[in-house]
N, C-alpha and C. Protein backbone atom coordinates (compact mmCIF):
# COMPACT_ATOMS: atom_id res chain seq x y z
N MET A 1 -114.33 -8.68 5.03
CA MET A 1 -113.14 -9.11 4.34
C MET A 1 -112.00 -9.25 5.35
N ALA A 2 -111.12 -10.19 5.09
CA ALA A 2 -110.04 -10.47 6.02
C ALA A 2 -108.79 -9.69 5.63
N TYR A 3 -108.70 -8.44 6.09
CA TYR A 3 -107.52 -7.64 5.78
C TYR A 3 -106.54 -7.62 6.94
N LEU A 4 -106.79 -8.40 7.95
CA LEU A 4 -105.91 -8.43 9.11
C LEU A 4 -104.88 -9.53 8.97
N ILE A 5 -103.85 -9.44 9.79
CA ILE A 5 -102.85 -10.50 9.81
C ILE A 5 -103.47 -11.70 10.51
N LYS A 6 -103.39 -12.85 9.88
CA LYS A 6 -103.94 -14.06 10.48
C LYS A 6 -102.84 -14.76 11.27
N ILE A 7 -103.20 -15.29 12.42
CA ILE A 7 -102.24 -15.99 13.27
C ILE A 7 -102.70 -17.43 13.41
N PHE A 8 -101.79 -18.35 13.12
CA PHE A 8 -102.07 -19.77 13.25
C PHE A 8 -101.15 -20.34 14.32
N LYS A 9 -101.63 -21.30 15.06
CA LYS A 9 -100.78 -21.99 16.03
C LYS A 9 -100.56 -23.42 15.57
N VAL A 10 -99.31 -23.77 15.34
CA VAL A 10 -98.95 -25.11 14.94
C VAL A 10 -97.82 -25.57 15.86
N ASN A 11 -98.03 -26.66 16.54
CA ASN A 11 -97.06 -27.20 17.48
C ASN A 11 -96.65 -26.17 18.52
N GLY A 12 -97.57 -25.35 18.96
CA GLY A 12 -97.28 -24.36 19.98
C GLY A 12 -96.60 -23.11 19.45
N GLU A 13 -96.27 -23.05 18.15
CA GLU A 13 -95.61 -21.89 17.57
C GLU A 13 -96.64 -21.01 16.89
N ALA A 14 -96.49 -19.72 17.03
CA ALA A 14 -97.38 -18.78 16.34
C ALA A 14 -96.82 -18.50 14.96
N THR A 15 -97.60 -18.75 13.93
CA THR A 15 -97.21 -18.50 12.55
C THR A 15 -98.02 -17.32 12.05
N PHE A 16 -97.33 -16.28 11.59
CA PHE A 16 -98.01 -15.08 11.12
C PHE A 16 -98.08 -15.12 9.61
N ALA A 17 -99.27 -14.89 9.06
CA ALA A 17 -99.47 -14.85 7.62
C ALA A 17 -99.36 -13.39 7.16
N PHE A 18 -98.92 -13.20 5.94
CA PHE A 18 -98.76 -11.87 5.37
C PHE A 18 -100.13 -11.23 5.20
N PRO A 19 -100.25 -9.92 5.47
CA PRO A 19 -101.56 -9.27 5.30
C PRO A 19 -102.04 -9.33 3.86
N ILE A 20 -103.26 -9.72 3.68
CA ILE A 20 -103.83 -9.87 2.34
C ILE A 20 -103.87 -8.54 1.61
N ILE A 21 -104.19 -7.48 2.32
CA ILE A 21 -104.34 -6.18 1.67
C ILE A 21 -103.04 -5.74 1.02
N ALA A 22 -101.90 -6.07 1.61
CA ALA A 22 -100.61 -5.70 1.02
C ALA A 22 -100.40 -6.42 -0.30
N LEU A 23 -100.80 -7.68 -0.38
CA LEU A 23 -100.69 -8.43 -1.63
C LEU A 23 -101.57 -7.82 -2.72
N ILE A 24 -102.77 -7.43 -2.34
CA ILE A 24 -103.70 -6.86 -3.31
C ILE A 24 -103.14 -5.56 -3.88
N PHE A 25 -102.64 -4.68 -3.02
CA PHE A 25 -102.12 -3.41 -3.51
C PHE A 25 -100.85 -3.58 -4.31
N ALA A 26 -100.01 -4.54 -3.93
CA ALA A 26 -98.78 -4.77 -4.67
C ALA A 26 -99.07 -5.18 -6.10
N VAL A 27 -100.03 -6.04 -6.29
CA VAL A 27 -100.39 -6.49 -7.64
C VAL A 27 -101.12 -5.40 -8.40
N ARG A 28 -102.01 -4.69 -7.73
CA ARG A 28 -102.84 -3.69 -8.40
C ARG A 28 -101.99 -2.56 -8.99
N PHE A 29 -100.96 -2.11 -8.29
CA PHE A 29 -100.19 -0.96 -8.76
C PHE A 29 -99.07 -1.35 -9.71
N GLU A 30 -98.76 -2.62 -9.85
CA GLU A 30 -97.72 -3.06 -10.77
C GLU A 30 -98.24 -3.12 -12.21
N LYS A 31 -99.49 -3.42 -12.41
CA LYS A 31 -100.02 -3.66 -13.75
C LYS A 31 -100.73 -2.43 -14.27
N SER A 32 -100.61 -2.18 -15.55
CA SER A 32 -101.38 -1.11 -16.17
C SER A 32 -102.69 -1.71 -16.69
N ILE A 33 -103.74 -0.93 -16.65
CA ILE A 33 -105.06 -1.41 -17.05
C ILE A 33 -105.36 -0.91 -18.46
N MET A 34 -105.70 -1.84 -19.36
CA MET A 34 -106.06 -1.49 -20.72
C MET A 34 -107.54 -1.81 -20.91
N ALA A 35 -108.39 -0.82 -20.65
CA ALA A 35 -109.83 -1.03 -20.82
C ALA A 35 -110.43 0.20 -21.50
N ASN A 36 -111.53 0.00 -22.19
CA ASN A 36 -112.17 1.09 -22.93
C ASN A 36 -113.26 1.80 -22.13
N HIS A 37 -113.79 1.15 -21.10
CA HIS A 37 -114.88 1.74 -20.33
C HIS A 37 -114.53 1.71 -18.85
N LYS A 38 -115.12 2.63 -18.12
CA LYS A 38 -114.87 2.71 -16.68
C LYS A 38 -115.31 1.43 -15.97
N SER A 39 -116.44 0.88 -16.39
CA SER A 39 -116.92 -0.36 -15.76
C SER A 39 -115.97 -1.53 -16.04
N ALA A 40 -115.34 -1.52 -17.22
CA ALA A 40 -114.38 -2.58 -17.56
C ALA A 40 -113.13 -2.45 -16.69
N GLU A 41 -112.70 -1.22 -16.43
CA GLU A 41 -111.55 -1.01 -15.53
C GLU A 41 -111.86 -1.52 -14.13
N LYS A 42 -113.07 -1.23 -13.66
CA LYS A 42 -113.48 -1.68 -12.33
C LYS A 42 -113.53 -3.20 -12.27
N ARG A 43 -114.06 -3.85 -13.32
CA ARG A 43 -114.14 -5.30 -13.36
C ARG A 43 -112.75 -5.92 -13.35
N ILE A 44 -111.80 -5.32 -14.07
CA ILE A 44 -110.42 -5.83 -14.08
C ILE A 44 -109.82 -5.73 -12.69
N ARG A 45 -110.02 -4.60 -12.02
CA ARG A 45 -109.49 -4.44 -10.66
C ARG A 45 -110.12 -5.44 -9.70
N ALA A 46 -111.42 -5.60 -9.80
CA ALA A 46 -112.12 -6.53 -8.91
C ALA A 46 -111.66 -7.97 -9.14
N ASN A 47 -111.52 -8.35 -10.40
CA ASN A 47 -111.06 -9.72 -10.71
C ASN A 47 -109.66 -9.96 -10.17
N GLU A 48 -108.80 -8.97 -10.32
CA GLU A 48 -107.41 -9.11 -9.83
C GLU A 48 -107.39 -9.22 -8.32
N THR A 49 -108.20 -8.43 -7.65
CA THR A 49 -108.27 -8.49 -6.19
C THR A 49 -108.74 -9.87 -5.73
N LYS A 50 -109.79 -10.40 -6.38
CA LYS A 50 -110.29 -11.72 -6.02
C LYS A 50 -109.27 -12.81 -6.31
N ARG A 51 -108.56 -12.68 -7.44
CA ARG A 51 -107.57 -13.68 -7.81
C ARG A 51 -106.43 -13.73 -6.78
N VAL A 52 -105.95 -12.56 -6.37
CA VAL A 52 -104.87 -12.51 -5.39
C VAL A 52 -105.33 -13.07 -4.05
N ARG A 53 -106.54 -12.71 -3.63
CA ARG A 53 -107.06 -13.21 -2.35
C ARG A 53 -107.23 -14.72 -2.39
N ASN A 54 -107.75 -15.25 -3.49
CA ASN A 54 -107.94 -16.70 -3.62
C ASN A 54 -106.61 -17.44 -3.61
N ARG A 55 -105.60 -16.91 -4.31
CA ARG A 55 -104.29 -17.54 -4.32
C ARG A 55 -103.69 -17.57 -2.92
N TYR A 56 -103.81 -16.45 -2.21
CA TYR A 56 -103.29 -16.34 -0.85
C TYR A 56 -103.96 -17.36 0.07
N GLN A 57 -105.29 -17.42 0.03
CA GLN A 57 -106.01 -18.33 0.91
C GLN A 57 -105.74 -19.79 0.55
N ALA A 58 -105.63 -20.09 -0.74
CA ALA A 58 -105.34 -21.47 -1.15
C ALA A 58 -103.96 -21.88 -0.67
N LYS A 59 -102.98 -21.00 -0.82
CA LYS A 59 -101.61 -21.34 -0.43
C LYS A 59 -101.50 -21.52 1.08
N THR A 60 -102.09 -20.60 1.85
CA THR A 60 -101.99 -20.73 3.30
C THR A 60 -102.75 -21.96 3.79
N THR A 61 -103.86 -22.30 3.14
CA THR A 61 -104.61 -23.50 3.52
C THR A 61 -103.78 -24.75 3.25
N ARG A 62 -103.15 -24.82 2.08
CA ARG A 62 -102.30 -25.98 1.76
C ARG A 62 -101.15 -26.11 2.76
N THR A 63 -100.54 -24.98 3.11
CA THR A 63 -99.43 -25.00 4.06
C THR A 63 -99.89 -25.52 5.41
N GLN A 64 -101.02 -25.04 5.90
CA GLN A 64 -101.51 -25.47 7.20
C GLN A 64 -101.91 -26.94 7.19
N ILE A 65 -102.45 -27.43 6.09
CA ILE A 65 -102.79 -28.85 5.98
C ILE A 65 -101.53 -29.70 6.04
N LYS A 66 -100.49 -29.28 5.34
CA LYS A 66 -99.23 -30.01 5.36
C LYS A 66 -98.65 -30.05 6.77
N LYS A 67 -98.70 -28.92 7.49
CA LYS A 67 -98.19 -28.87 8.86
C LYS A 67 -99.00 -29.79 9.76
N LEU A 68 -100.31 -29.80 9.58
CA LEU A 68 -101.17 -30.66 10.38
C LEU A 68 -100.89 -32.13 10.10
N GLU A 69 -100.71 -32.49 8.83
CA GLU A 69 -100.39 -33.88 8.48
C GLU A 69 -99.06 -34.30 9.08
N ARG A 70 -98.05 -33.40 9.01
CA ARG A 70 -96.75 -33.72 9.62
C ARG A 70 -96.88 -33.92 11.12
N HIS A 71 -97.71 -33.10 11.75
CA HIS A 71 -97.91 -33.20 13.20
C HIS A 71 -98.48 -34.57 13.57
N TYR A 72 -99.48 -35.04 12.81
CA TYR A 72 -100.09 -36.33 13.13
C TYR A 72 -99.21 -37.51 12.74
N GLN A 73 -98.33 -37.34 11.76
CA GLN A 73 -97.41 -38.42 11.39
C GLN A 73 -96.33 -38.60 12.46
N GLU A 74 -95.97 -37.49 13.14
CA GLU A 74 -94.94 -37.56 14.19
C GLU A 74 -95.46 -38.21 15.46
N ARG A 75 -96.77 -38.22 15.66
CA ARG A 75 -97.35 -38.77 16.88
C ARG A 75 -97.31 -40.25 16.92
């Protein structure tokens, strides 16, 4: 799992992405879990963790694509 800070280089600049693990914990501790079984609680936590990770990766991917497109348009 990618719990480290990711570093991207765009136009010679280092861009630091927010650590994924911090996003996961921020969301996990804000919400209360309403489940009747222990396995249901675990499934809710796992789904939330995956959702946050997917949102983070999708957003950073879109941002990097936009930066790359701008770079090639300037050339």
